[in-house]
Protein backbone atom coordinates (compact mmCIF):
# COMPACT_ATOMS: atom_id res chain seq x y z
CA MET A 1 236.84 -201.30 98.45
CA PRO A 2 235.58 -204.91 98.14
CA ILE A 3 236.11 -206.66 94.81
CA GLN A 4 232.47 -206.59 93.72
CA GLU A 5 232.17 -202.83 94.21
CA ARG A 6 235.43 -202.25 92.37
CA TRP A 7 234.24 -204.44 89.49
CA ILE A 8 230.95 -202.46 89.26
CA VAL A 9 232.85 -199.17 89.14
CA ASP A 10 235.31 -200.44 86.53
CA HIS A 11 232.55 -201.90 84.26
CA PHE A 12 229.77 -199.36 84.90
CA ASP A 13 229.81 -197.88 81.45
CA ARG A 14 229.43 -201.31 79.82
CA LEU A 15 226.59 -202.47 82.02
CA PRO A 16 222.92 -202.12 80.86
CA THR A 17 220.70 -199.56 82.56
CA ALA A 18 219.56 -201.41 85.69
CA ALA A 19 219.70 -201.37 89.44
CA ILE A 20 222.91 -202.93 90.65
CA PHE A 21 222.81 -204.76 93.99
CA PRO A 22 226.11 -206.22 95.23
CA VAL A 23 225.13 -209.08 97.55
CA GLY A 24 228.36 -209.64 99.37
CA GLY A 25 228.70 -213.19 100.61
CA ALA A 26 225.00 -214.07 100.37
CA PHE A 27 225.53 -216.59 97.60
CA ASP A 28 228.43 -218.13 99.51
CA TYR A 29 226.17 -218.67 102.52
CA GLU A 30 223.39 -220.12 100.38
CA ALA A 31 225.82 -222.49 98.62
CA GLY A 32 227.36 -223.62 101.88
CA VAL A 33 230.82 -222.33 100.98
CA GLN A 34 230.92 -219.74 103.80
CA VAL A 35 230.80 -221.11 107.37
CA GLU A 36 227.88 -219.77 109.41
CA CYS A 37 228.65 -217.99 112.63
CA PRO A 38 227.46 -219.79 115.75
CA ARG A 39 224.09 -218.35 116.80
CA ILE A 40 225.29 -217.37 120.28
CA LEU A 41 228.09 -215.22 118.86
CA GLY A 42 225.65 -213.51 116.52
CA GLN A 43 223.32 -212.81 119.48
CA LEU A 44 226.19 -211.36 121.44
CA GLY A 45 227.21 -209.12 118.51
CA LEU A 46 230.51 -210.97 118.02
CA GLU A 47 229.96 -212.27 114.49
CA TRP A 48 232.70 -209.88 113.36
CA LEU A 49 235.19 -211.57 115.70
CA PHE A 50 234.23 -215.01 114.36
CA ARG A 51 234.79 -213.81 110.80
CA LEU A 52 238.11 -212.16 111.80
CA CYS A 53 239.34 -215.41 113.27
CA LEU A 54 238.45 -217.31 110.04
CA ASP A 55 240.03 -214.84 107.65
CA PRO A 56 242.35 -212.44 109.46
CA LYS A 57 244.50 -211.52 106.43
CA ARG A 58 241.48 -210.20 104.45
CA LEU A 59 239.43 -208.75 107.35
CA PHE A 60 241.97 -207.25 109.76
CA PHE A 61 242.21 -203.86 108.07
CA ARG A 62 238.41 -203.67 107.51
CA TYR A 63 237.49 -204.55 111.11
CA CYS A 64 240.43 -203.19 113.16
CA VAL A 65 241.95 -200.26 111.27
CA GLU A 66 239.30 -198.71 109.10
CA PRO A 67 236.72 -198.12 111.87
CA HIS A 68 239.22 -196.00 113.82
CA TYR A 69 239.98 -193.87 110.78
CA LEU A 70 236.29 -193.43 110.02
CA PHE A 71 235.58 -192.58 113.68
CA TRP A 72 237.81 -189.52 113.55
CA LEU A 73 236.23 -188.38 110.24
CA ALA A 74 232.76 -188.73 111.76
CA LEU A 75 233.78 -186.92 114.98
CA ARG A 76 235.22 -184.07 112.83
CA ASP A 77 231.93 -183.77 110.95
CA VAL A 78 229.89 -183.77 114.17
CA ALA A 79 232.13 -181.01 115.59
CA HIS A 80 231.68 -178.91 112.47
CA ARG A 81 227.96 -179.43 112.54
CA LEU A 82 227.71 -178.46 116.21
CA SER A 83 229.82 -175.36 115.63
CA GLY A 84 227.56 -174.27 112.75
CA LYS A 85 230.28 -174.63 110.15
CA SER A 86 229.62 -176.49 106.93
CA PRO A 87 230.81 -180.11 106.91
CA VAL A 88 234.27 -180.76 105.62
CA SER A 89 234.27 -182.50 102.22
CA VAL A 90 236.57 -185.39 101.70
CA ASN A 91 237.83 -185.98 98.16
CA PHE A 92 238.31 -189.69 97.59
CA PRO A 93 240.50 -190.70 94.65
CA VAL A 94 238.42 -191.48 91.60
CA SER A 95 239.74 -193.72 88.89
CA ALA A 96 239.56 -192.76 85.19
CA ASN A 97 237.02 -195.57 84.63
CA SER A 98 234.83 -194.42 87.48
CA PRO A 99 231.20 -193.77 86.61
CA VAL A 100 231.36 -190.55 88.65
CA SER A 101 234.24 -188.10 88.36
CA ALA A 102 235.27 -185.53 90.95
CA LYS A 103 234.09 -182.64 88.70
CA SER A 104 230.76 -183.83 87.37
CA PRO A 105 228.29 -186.21 89.04
CA THR A 106 227.14 -187.54 85.68
CA SER A 107 230.40 -187.87 83.70
CA GLY A 108 230.91 -191.24 82.13
CA ARG A 109 227.15 -191.88 82.00
CA SER A 110 224.64 -191.19 79.34
CA GLN A 111 221.93 -188.64 80.19
CA SER A 112 219.25 -191.36 80.42
CA ARG A 113 221.28 -193.24 83.00
CA ALA A 114 222.17 -190.17 85.02
CA GLY A 115 218.57 -189.12 85.21
CA SER A 116 217.21 -192.51 86.16
CA SER A 117 216.41 -193.25 89.76
CA LEU A 118 215.41 -196.26 91.80
């Protein structure tokens, strides 16, 4: 999980009621800190490769390992859907500070926050 999403989860109970939009590297691009991908690579759908070459330590798992793991999970769900079975649920580990626990979708939140919507 990227740092900004982890921070949101860890600090969710202390944040005011509001919509939270992690913006990724948008501010880095605007500030000129992040190098822009050459236009031709973006048009060819190879921006991921450009990013991987610039920061392989951080992006290798995200770009080269994680998609293969997620592919098999998605394939399993499709197979269950086609066979008429209910989709398999995956229980991801939830930290004690998480705004959502495995048992209750609203634990850790006040009722007003849990009932709010965008």
